[in-house]
Amino acid sequence: MRRDADLGFAAAFAPPLLDPAREVPTAVAGRNGKPAGRRYDVYRNNVTVSLIETLAAIYPAVQRITGPDFFRAMARFHVRSSPPASPLLFEYGHDFPDFIAGYEHAQDMPWLADVARIERAWLDAYHAADALTLAPMRLFAIAPERLGDLVLAPHPATRIVRSPYAAVTIFAANRDSAPVARIDASTPEDALITRAEFDVVVRHLPPGGAVFAASLMSGQPLGAAAMAAFDASPEFDIAANIAGLIEAGAFTSLAAGDA
């Protein structure tokens, strides 16, 4: 019975925390049953501030681009519309990039949402499970006639973010405090995010590279993935892309057709 009562209190206590328009729950009271609206409002503000600071920690490049005041205002709207679904704060904010894409006051920065997607992928890669990466010699040991049938298993940390804008360059330029030179944002860029060992690395994929990597990660054999990449970009260089993906630690093993 006590557990049911606690759950009932939590169900009444939590929802108004992120909605200042809602009344303080009637179950919230101070000593001797006195109203505790002010205390609740302080707690409500602390929760909102904590979630805004969490978003700022996850999306530092976005905050540097927009400035702290703009970021905090945008984050506050997001916090009110998307409460946490997990007690783990690093899991919060997965839908923040989509929120940015639709945020009225960010429409003059159409690349900002993709920068945020790279930052989210960076954090997810950081927290992904550890795994040994595929050694280049494994591929060298495969007979040439069998290469097209190989299926590669992606590393748990591997992520791809595609953008019609120069999101990789903008992301890289705003992840530290160095001055940012003028960037032509109109050039499409695709990002490969990996963590072979301890450090997360973001790389700019060459033409056709994102289609190739995504096809491999979805379980397509190497030959089919290469054909999809050639269809997407006649400039695709299969040897350079395979070498780059293996060097980056994007895969762990030959999941099928292994020699």
C-alpha atoms as a PDB file:
ATOM      1  CA  MET A   1       0.000   0.000   0.000  1.00  0.00           C
ATOM      2  CA  ARG A   2       2.847   2.395   0.852  1.00  0.00           C
ATOM      3  CA  ARG A   3       4.434   1.766  -2.549  1.00  0.00           C
ATOM      4  CA  ASP A   4       1.131   2.510  -4.307  1.00  0.00           C
ATOM      5  CA  ALA A   5       0.826   5.729  -2.325  1.00  0.00           C
ATOM      6  CA  ASP A   6       4.386   6.750  -3.236  1.00  0.00           C
ATOM      7  CA  LEU A   7       3.732   6.070  -6.911  1.00  0.00           C
ATOM      8  CA  GLY A   8       0.512   8.070  -6.730  1.00  0.00           C
ATOM      9  CA  PHE A   9       2.305  11.001  -5.123  1.00  0.00           C
ATOM     10  CA  ALA A  10       5.065  10.889  -7.771  1.00  0.00           C
ATOM     11  CA  ALA A  11       2.495  10.780 -10.560  1.00  0.00           C
ATOM     12  CA  ALA A  12       0.890  13.951  -9.187  1.00  0.00           C
ATOM     13  CA  PHE A  13       4.150  15.670  -8.219  1.00  0.00           C
ATOM     14  CA  ALA A  14       6.192  15.281 -11.426  1.00  0.00           C
ATOM     15  CA  PRO A  15       4.086  16.503 -14.404  1.00  0.00           C
ATOM     16  CA  PRO A  16       3.704  20.157 -13.301  1.00  0.00           C
ATOM     17  CA  LEU A  17       7.465  20.502 -12.751  1.00  0.00           C
ATOM     18  CA  LEU A  18       8.085  21.383 -16.397  1.00  0.00           C
ATOM     19  CA  ASP A  19       4.872  23.324 -16.946  1.00  0.00           C
ATOM     20  CA  PRO A  20       4.746  26.612 -15.009  1.00  0.00           C
ATOM     21  CA  ALA A  21       1.155  27.138 -16.118  1.00  0.00           C
ATOM     22  CA  ARG A  22      -0.032  24.146 -14.110  1.00  0.00           C
ATOM     23  CA  GLU A  23      -1.109  24.465 -10.515  1.00  0.00           C
ATOM     24  CA  VAL A  24       1.026  23.165  -7.682  1.00  0.00           C
ATOM     25  CA  PRO A  25      -0.169  19.621  -6.869  1.00  0.00           C
ATOM     26  CA  THR A  26      -2.616  19.560  -3.973  1.00  0.00           C
ATOM     27  CA  ALA A  27      -0.605  16.773  -2.360  1.00  0.00           C
ATOM     28  CA  VAL A  28       2.349  19.133  -1.906  1.00  0.00           C
ATOM     29  CA  ALA A  29       2.169  20.793   1.494  1.00  0.00           C
ATOM     30  CA  GLY A  30       4.495  22.154   4.131  1.00  0.00           C
ATOM     31  CA  ARG A  31       4.469  21.693   7.848  1.00  0.00           C
ATOM     32  CA  ASN A  32       1.055  21.410   9.450  1.00  0.00           C
ATOM     33  CA  GLY A  33      -0.494  21.190   5.998  1.00  0.00           C
ATOM     34  CA  LYS A  34       0.406  24.736   5.005  1.00  0.00           C
ATOM     35  CA  PRO A  35       0.697  25.528   1.259  1.00  0.00           C
ATOM     36  CA  ALA A  36       4.159  24.909  -0.187  1.00  0.00           C
ATOM     37  CA  GLY A  37       3.748  26.625  -3.531  1.00  0.00           C
ATOM     38  CA  ARG A  38       6.901  28.703  -3.233  1.00  0.00           C
ATOM     39  CA  ARG A  39       9.037  25.724  -2.331  1.00  0.00           C
ATOM     40  CA  TYR A  40       7.574  23.773  -5.211  1.00  0.00           C
ATOM     41  CA  ASP A  41       8.316  26.640  -7.600  1.00  0.00           C
ATOM     42  CA  VAL A  42      11.937  26.709  -6.442  1.00  0.00           C
ATOM     43  CA  TYR A  43      12.205  22.978  -7.073  1.00  0.00           C
ATOM     44  CA  ARG A  44      10.478  23.399 -10.431  1.00  0.00           C
ATOM     45  CA  ASN A  45      12.987  26.056 -11.444  1.00  0.00           C
ATOM     46  CA  ASN A  46      15.922  23.911 -10.297  1.00  0.00           C
ATOM     47  CA  VAL A  47      14.720  20.982 -12.402  1.00  0.00           C
ATOM     48  CA  THR A  48      14.388  23.163 -15.496  1.00  0.00           C
ATOM     49  CA  VAL A  49      17.798  24.759 -14.988  1.00  0.00           C
ATOM     50  CA  SER A  50      19.379  21.337 -14.470  1.00  0.00           C
ATOM     51  CA  LEU A  51      17.947  20.027 -17.743  1.00  0.00           C
ATOM     52  CA  ILE A  52      19.023  23.157 -19.624  1.00  0.00           C
ATOM     53  CA  GLU A  53      22.544  22.719 -18.282  1.00  0.00           C
ATOM     54  CA  THR A  54      22.438  19.074 -19.337  1.00  0.00           C
ATOM     55  CA  LEU A  55      21.582  20.112 -22.893  1.00  0.00           C
ATOM     56  CA  ALA A  56      24.372  22.700 -22.838  1.00  0.00           C
ATOM     57  CA  ALA A  57      26.852  19.995 -21.816  1.00  0.00           C
ATOM     58  CA  ILE A  58      25.656  17.663 -24.574  1.00  0.00           C
ATOM     59  CA  TYR A  59      25.542  20.349 -27.284  1.00  0.00           C
ATOM     60  CA  PRO A  60      28.491  22.712 -26.609  1.00  0.00           C
ATOM     61  CA  ALA A  61      29.036  23.569 -30.292  1.00  0.00           C
ATOM     62  CA  VAL A  62      25.378  24.507 -30.706  1.00  0.00           C
ATOM     63  CA  GLN A  63      25.579  26.753 -27.649  1.00  0.00           C
ATOM     64  CA  ARG A  64      28.770  28.403 -28.900  1.00  0.00           C
ATOM     65  CA  ILE A  65      27.143  29.087 -32.278  1.00  0.00           C
ATOM     66  CA  THR A  66      23.941  30.557 -30.882  1.00  0.00           C
ATOM     67  CA  GLY A  67      25.354  32.158 -27.747  1.00  0.00           C
ATOM     68  CA  PRO A  68      24.309  31.194 -24.200  1.00  0.00           C
ATOM     69  CA  ASP A  69      21.203  33.394 -23.999  1.00  0.00           C
ATOM     70  CA  PHE A  70      19.715  32.142 -27.279  1.00  0.00           C
ATOM     71  CA  PHE A  71      20.606  28.559 -26.378  1.00  0.00           C
ATOM     72  CA  ARG A  72      19.050  28.711 -22.932  1.00  0.00           C
ATOM     73  CA  ALA A  73      15.835  30.212 -24.283  1.00  0.00           C
ATOM     74  CA  MET A  74      15.619  27.529 -26.974  1.00  0.00           C
ATOM     75  CA  ALA A  75      16.501  24.775 -24.494  1.00  0.00           C
ATOM     76  CA  ARG A  76      13.852  25.983 -22.047  1.00  0.00           C
ATOM     77  CA  PHE A  77      11.135  25.558 -24.686  1.00  0.00           C
ATOM     78  CA  HIS A  78      12.462  22.089 -25.449  1.00  0.00           C
ATOM     79  CA  VAL A  79      12.556  21.073 -21.796  1.00  0.00           C
ATOM     80  CA  ARG A  80       8.929  22.069 -21.347  1.00  0.00           C
ATOM     81  CA  SER A  81       7.833  20.123 -24.425  1.00  0.00           C
ATOM     82  CA  SER A  82      10.030  17.028 -23.894  1.00  0.00           C
ATOM     83  CA  PRO A  83      10.409  15.849 -20.294  1.00  0.00           C
ATOM     84  CA  PRO A  84      13.054  13.206 -19.525  1.00  0.00           C
ATOM     85  CA  ALA A  85      12.112   9.588 -20.151  1.00  0.00           C
ATOM     86  CA  SER A  86      15.103   8.190 -18.266  1.00  0.00           C
ATOM     87  CA  PRO A  87      16.757   8.963 -14.918  1.00  0.00           C
ATOM     88  CA  LEU A  88      20.128   8.988 -16.722  1.00  0.00           C
ATOM     89  CA  LEU A  89      20.798  12.588 -17.731  1.00  0.00           C
ATOM     90  CA  PHE A  90      23.189  11.688 -20.570  1.00  0.00           C
ATOM     91  CA  GLU A  91      20.250  10.004 -22.304  1.00  0.00           C
ATOM     92  CA  TYR A  92      18.259  13.231 -22.284  1.00  0.00           C
ATOM     93  CA  GLY A  93      17.948  15.379 -25.388  1.00  0.00           C
ATOM     94  CA  HIS A  94      17.888  12.805 -28.194  1.00  0.00           C
ATOM     95  CA  ASP A  95      15.074  14.736 -29.853  1.00  0.00           C
ATOM     96  CA  PHE A  96      16.696  18.145 -29.356  1.00  0.00           C
ATOM     97  CA  PRO A  97      18.136  18.239 -32.924  1.00  0.00           C
ATOM     98  CA  ASP A  98      14.649  17.694 -34.372  1.00  0.00           C
ATOM     99  CA  PHE A  99      13.335  20.402 -32.062  1.00  0.00           C
ATOM    100  CA  ILE A 100      16.030  22.786 -33.345  1.00  0.00           C
ATOM    101  CA  ALA A 101      15.060  21.996 -36.943  1.00  0.00           C
ATOM    102  CA  GLY A 102      11.533  23.222 -36.231  1.00  0.00           C
ATOM    103  CA  TYR A 103      12.420  26.041 -33.847  1.00  0.00           C
ATOM    104  CA  GLU A 104      11.117  29.296 -35.298  1.00  0.00           C
ATOM    105  CA  HIS A 105      14.040  31.469 -34.246  1.00  0.00           C
ATOM    106  CA  ALA A 106      16.696  29.093 -35.638  1.00  0.00           C
ATOM    107  CA  GLN A 107      15.409  29.026 -39.201  1.00  0.00           C
ATOM    108  CA  ASP A 108      18.189  31.328 -40.406  1.00  0.00           C
ATOM    109  CA  MET A 109      20.667  28.610 -39.303  1.00  0.00           C
ATOM    110  CA  PRO A 110      19.328  25.584 -41.240  1.00  0.00           C
ATOM    111  CA  TRP A 111      22.543  23.633 -40.585  1.00  0.00           C
ATOM    112  CA  LEU A 112      22.276  23.969 -36.797  1.00  0.00           C
ATOM    113  CA  ALA A 113      20.130  20.858 -36.351  1.00  0.00           C
ATOM    114  CA  ASP A 114      22.693  18.709 -38.193  1.00  0.00           C
ATOM    115  CA  VAL A 115      25.497  20.083 -36.029  1.00  0.00           C
ATOM    116  CA  ALA A 116      23.382  19.021 -33.051  1.00  0.00           C
ATOM    117  CA  ARG A 117      22.898  15.563 -34.587  1.00  0.00           C
ATOM    118  CA  ILE A 118      26.665  15.153 -34.811  1.00  0.00           C
ATOM    119  CA  GLU A 119      27.040  16.214 -31.170  1.00  0.00           C
ATOM    120  CA  ARG A 120      24.354  13.738 -30.100  1.00  0.00           C
ATOM    121  CA  ALA A 121      26.065  10.987 -32.099  1.00  0.00           C
ATOM    122  CA  TRP A 122      29.364  11.931 -30.422  1.00  0.00           C
ATOM    123  CA  LEU A 123      27.868  11.405 -26.965  1.00  0.00           C
ATOM    124  CA  ASP A 124      26.126   8.170 -27.953  1.00  0.00           C
ATOM    125  CA  ALA A 125      29.398   6.859 -29.377  1.00  0.00           C
ATOM    126  CA  TYR A 126      31.169   7.814 -26.159  1.00  0.00           C
ATOM    127  CA  HIS A 127      28.725   5.752 -24.092  1.00  0.00           C
ATOM    128  CA  ALA A 128      28.494   2.829 -26.531  1.00  0.00           C
ATOM    129  CA  ALA A 129      29.742  -0.615 -25.573  1.00  0.00           C
ATOM    130  CA  ASP A 130      33.405  -1.431 -26.015  1.00  0.00           C
ATOM    131  CA  ALA A 131      34.417  -3.886 -28.737  1.00  0.00           C
ATOM    132  CA  LEU A 132      37.539  -4.975 -30.562  1.00  0.00           C
ATOM    133  CA  THR A 133      37.850  -3.458 -34.017  1.00  0.00           C
ATOM    134  CA  LEU A 134      38.395  -5.349 -37.237  1.00  0.00           C
ATOM    135  CA  ALA A 135      42.087  -5.797 -38.030  1.00  0.00           C
ATOM    136  CA  PRO A 136      43.051  -4.840 -41.620  1.00  0.00           C
ATOM    137  CA  MET A 137      44.846  -8.169 -42.060  1.00  0.00           C
ATOM    138  CA  ARG A 138      41.505  -9.984 -41.846  1.00  0.00           C
ATOM    139  CA  LEU A 139      40.469  -8.485 -45.160  1.00  0.00           C
ATOM    140  CA  PHE A 140      43.845  -9.129 -46.747  1.00  0.00           C
ATOM    141  CA  ALA A 141      43.396 -12.818 -45.951  1.00  0.00           C
ATOM    142  CA  ILE A 142      40.150 -13.062 -47.941  1.00  0.00           C
ATOM    143  CA  ALA A 143      40.333 -14.415 -51.494  1.00  0.00           C
ATOM    144  CA  PRO A 144      39.491 -11.624 -53.991  1.00  0.00           C
ATOM    145  CA  GLU A 145      36.550 -13.547 -55.461  1.00  0.00           C
ATOM    146  CA  ARG A 146      34.916 -13.701 -52.018  1.00  0.00           C
ATOM    147  CA  LEU A 147      35.254 -10.029 -51.065  1.00  0.00           C
ATOM    148  CA  GLY A 148      31.940  -8.995 -52.612  1.00  0.00           C
ATOM    149  CA  ASP A 149      30.003 -11.387 -50.380  1.00  0.00           C
ATOM    150  CA  LEU A 150      31.506 -10.243 -47.091  1.00  0.00           C
ATOM    151  CA  VAL A 151      29.198  -8.816 -44.438  1.00  0.00           C
ATOM    152  CA  LEU A 152      30.827  -6.584 -41.820  1.00  0.00           C
ATOM    153  CA  ALA A 153      29.566  -6.181 -38.251  1.00  0.00           C
ATOM    154  CA  PRO A 154      29.501  -2.509 -37.181  1.00  0.00           C
ATOM    155  CA  HIS A 155      31.177  -1.382 -33.988  1.00  0.00           C
ATOM    156  CA  PRO A 156      28.589  -0.392 -31.338  1.00  0.00           C
ATOM    157  CA  ALA A 157      29.961   3.170 -31.351  1.00  0.00           C
ATOM    158  CA  THR A 158      29.775   3.728 -35.110  1.00  0.00           C
ATOM    159  CA  ARG A 159      27.377   6.448 -36.214  1.00  0.00           C
ATOM    160  CA  ILE A 160      26.723   8.285 -39.496  1.00  0.00           C
ATOM    161  CA  VAL A 161      25.192  11.738 -39.848  1.00  0.00           C
ATOM    162  CA  ARG A 162      24.418  13.070 -43.321  1.00  0.00           C
ATOM    163  CA  SER A 163      23.840  16.737 -44.003  1.00  0.00           C
ATOM    164  CA  PRO A 164      23.148  18.968 -47.023  1.00  0.00           C
ATOM    165  CA  TYR A 165      25.277  21.561 -45.209  1.00  0.00           C
ATOM    166  CA  ALA A 166      28.887  21.792 -44.022  1.00  0.00           C
ATOM    167  CA  ALA A 167      27.862  20.409 -40.652  1.00  0.00           C
ATOM    168  CA  VAL A 168      31.120  18.545 -40.024  1.00  0.00           C
ATOM    169  CA  THR A 169      33.243  21.646 -40.587  1.00  0.00           C
ATOM    170  CA  ILE A 170      30.913  23.804 -38.466  1.00  0.00           C
ATOM    171  CA  PHE A 171      30.899  21.188 -35.703  1.00  0.00           C
ATOM    172  CA  ALA A 172      34.705  20.894 -35.662  1.00  0.00           C
ATOM    173  CA  ALA A 173      35.190  24.669 -35.669  1.00  0.00           C
ATOM    174  CA  ASN A 174      32.937  25.167 -32.664  1.00  0.00           C
ATOM    175  CA  ARG A 175      33.984  22.384 -30.315  1.00  0.00           C
ATOM    176  CA  ASP A 176      36.783  24.452 -28.771  1.00  0.00           C
ATOM    177  CA  SER A 177      37.488  28.101 -28.002  1.00  0.00           C
ATOM    178  CA  ALA A 178      39.654  28.863 -31.040  1.00  0.00           C
ATOM    179  CA  PRO A 179      38.475  31.670 -33.345  1.00  0.00           C
ATOM    180  CA  VAL A 180      36.150  30.501 -36.123  1.00  0.00           C
ATOM    181  CA  ALA A 181      36.900  31.568 -39.686  1.00  0.00           C
ATOM    182  CA  ARG A 182      34.141  32.139 -42.212  1.00  0.00           C
ATOM    183  CA  ILE A 183      32.618  28.831 -43.354  1.00  0.00           C
ATOM    184  CA  ASP A 184      30.687  28.183 -46.551  1.00  0.00           C
ATOM    185  CA  ALA A 185      27.790  26.250 -45.046  1.00  0.00           C
ATOM    186  CA  SER A 186      26.264  25.325 -48.408  1.00  0.00           C
ATOM    187  CA  THR A 187      28.651  22.420 -49.107  1.00  0.00           C
ATOM    188  CA  PRO A 188      27.100  19.031 -48.187  1.00  0.00           C
ATOM    189  CA  GLU A 189      29.097  16.981 -45.686  1.00  0.00           C
ATOM    190  CA  ASP A 190      28.637  13.559 -44.129  1.00  0.00           C
ATOM    191  CA  ALA A 191      30.116  12.543 -40.789  1.00  0.00           C
ATOM    192  CA  LEU A 192      31.466   9.229 -39.534  1.00  0.00           C
ATOM    193  CA  ILE A 193      31.568   9.052 -35.748  1.00  0.00           C
ATOM    194  CA  THR A 194      33.576   6.232 -34.168  1.00  0.00           C
ATOM    195  CA  ARG A 195      35.314   5.266 -30.937  1.00  0.00           C
ATOM    196  CA  ALA A 196      37.860   2.566 -31.641  1.00  0.00           C
ATOM    197  CA  GLU A 197      39.370   2.849 -28.146  1.00  0.00           C
ATOM    198  CA  PHE A 198      38.916   5.701 -25.668  1.00  0.00           C
ATOM    199  CA  ASP A 199      38.454   8.818 -27.808  1.00  0.00           C
ATOM    200  CA  VAL A 200      35.485   9.612 -30.018  1.00  0.00           C
ATOM    201  CA  VAL A 201      36.556  10.756 -33.474  1.00  0.00           C
ATOM    202  CA  VAL A 202      34.451  12.577 -36.071  1.00  0.00           C
ATOM    203  CA  ARG A 203      35.583  12.229 -39.680  1.00  0.00           C
ATOM    204  CA  HIS A 204      34.361  13.841 -42.889  1.00  0.00           C
ATOM    205  CA  LEU A 205      33.345  11.040 -45.250  1.00  0.00           C
ATOM    206  CA  PRO A 206      34.401  11.260 -48.933  1.00  0.00           C
ATOM    207  CA  PRO A 207      31.871  11.160 -51.822  1.00  0.00           C
ATOM    208  CA  GLY A 208      29.732   8.033 -51.639  1.00  0.00           C
ATOM    209  CA  GLY A 209      31.254   7.137 -48.273  1.00  0.00           C
ATOM    210  CA  ALA A 210      28.096   7.623 -46.235  1.00  0.00           C
ATOM    211  CA  VAL A 211      26.010   5.437 -48.547  1.00  0.00           C
ATOM    212  CA  PHE A 212      28.735   2.778 -48.515  1.00  0.00           C
ATOM    213  CA  ALA A 213      29.129   2.796 -44.726  1.00  0.00           C
ATOM    214  CA  ALA A 214      25.394   2.905 -44.053  1.00  0.00           C
ATOM    215  CA  SER A 215      24.804   0.007 -46.440  1.00  0.00           C
ATOM    216  CA  LEU A 216      27.456  -2.072 -44.702  1.00  0.00           C
ATOM    217  CA  MET A 217      26.066  -1.180 -41.279  1.00  0.00           C
ATOM    218  CA  SER A 218      22.596  -2.302 -42.382  1.00  0.00           C
ATOM    219  CA  GLY A 219      23.961  -5.767 -43.218  1.00  0.00           C
ATOM    220  CA  GLN A 220      24.409  -5.516 -46.965  1.00  0.00           C
ATOM    221  CA  PRO A 221      27.393  -7.418 -48.395  1.00  0.00           C
ATOM    222  CA  LEU A 222      30.399  -5.431 -49.483  1.00  0.00           C
ATOM    223  CA  GLY A 223      29.673  -5.790 -53.193  1.00  0.00           C
ATOM    224  CA  ALA A 224      26.119  -4.487 -52.918  1.00  0.00           C
ATOM    225  CA  ALA A 225      27.239  -1.634 -50.666  1.00  0.00           C
ATOM    226  CA  ALA A 226      29.876  -0.625 -53.209  1.00  0.00           C
ATOM    227  CA  MET A 227      27.324  -0.617 -56.042  1.00  0.00           C
ATOM    228  CA  ALA A 228      25.001   1.614 -54.001  1.00  0.00           C
ATOM    229  CA  ALA A 229      27.887   3.995 -53.326  1.00  0.00           C
ATOM    230  CA  PHE A 230      28.851   4.136 -57.028  1.00  0.00           C
ATOM    231  CA  ASP A 231      25.218   4.882 -57.902  1.00  0.00           C
ATOM    232  CA  ALA A 232      25.195   7.708 -55.373  1.00  0.00           C
ATOM    233  CA  SER A 233      28.546   9.134 -56.465  1.00  0.00           C
ATOM    234  CA  PRO A 234      30.616   8.228 -59.553  1.00  0.00           C
ATOM    235  CA  GLU A 235      33.624   9.603 -57.634  1.00  0.00           C
ATOM    236  CA  PHE A 236      33.395   6.822 -55.069  1.00  0.00           C
ATOM    237  CA  ASP A 237      36.772   5.194 -54.335  1.00  0.00           C
ATOM    238  CA  ILE A 238      36.134   1.747 -52.895  1.00  0.00           C
ATOM    239  CA  ALA A 239      39.727   1.037 -51.829  1.00  0.00           C
ATOM    240  CA  ALA A 240      40.113   4.375 -50.031  1.00  0.00           C
ATOM    241  CA  ASN A 241      36.749   4.034 -48.317  1.00  0.00           C
ATOM    242  CA  ILE A 242      37.343   0.498 -47.075  1.00  0.00           C
ATOM    243  CA  ALA A 243      40.754   1.502 -45.761  1.00  0.00           C
ATOM    244  CA  GLY A 244      39.317   4.596 -44.084  1.00  0.00           C
ATOM    245  CA  LEU A 245      36.483   2.701 -42.377  1.00  0.00           C
ATOM    246  CA  ILE A 246      38.771  -0.040 -41.112  1.00  0.00           C
ATOM    247  CA  GLU A 247      41.347   2.484 -39.899  1.00  0.00           C
ATOM    248  CA  ALA A 248      38.598   4.406 -38.098  1.00  0.00           C
ATOM    249  CA  GLY A 249      37.461   1.271 -36.276  1.00  0.00           C
ATOM    250  CA  ALA A 250      33.966   1.352 -37.762  1.00  0.00           C
ATOM    251  CA  PHE A 251      33.611  -2.452 -37.788  1.00  0.00           C
ATOM    252  CA  THR A 252      34.389  -5.308 -35.445  1.00  0.00           C
ATOM    253  CA  SER A 253      34.387  -8.457 -37.529  1.00  0.00           C
ATOM    254  CA  LEU A 254      33.460 -10.234 -40.710  1.00  0.00           C
ATOM    255  CA  ALA A 255      29.996 -11.325 -39.652  1.00  0.00           C
ATOM    256  CA  ALA A 256      29.368 -13.607 -42.632  1.00  0.00           C
ATOM    257  CA  GLY A 257      31.491 -15.205 -45.313  1.00  0.00           C
ATOM    258  CA  ASP A 258      34.385 -15.127 -42.870  1.00  0.00           C
ATOM    259  CA  ALA A 259      37.517 -16.920 -43.956  1.00  0.00           C
END
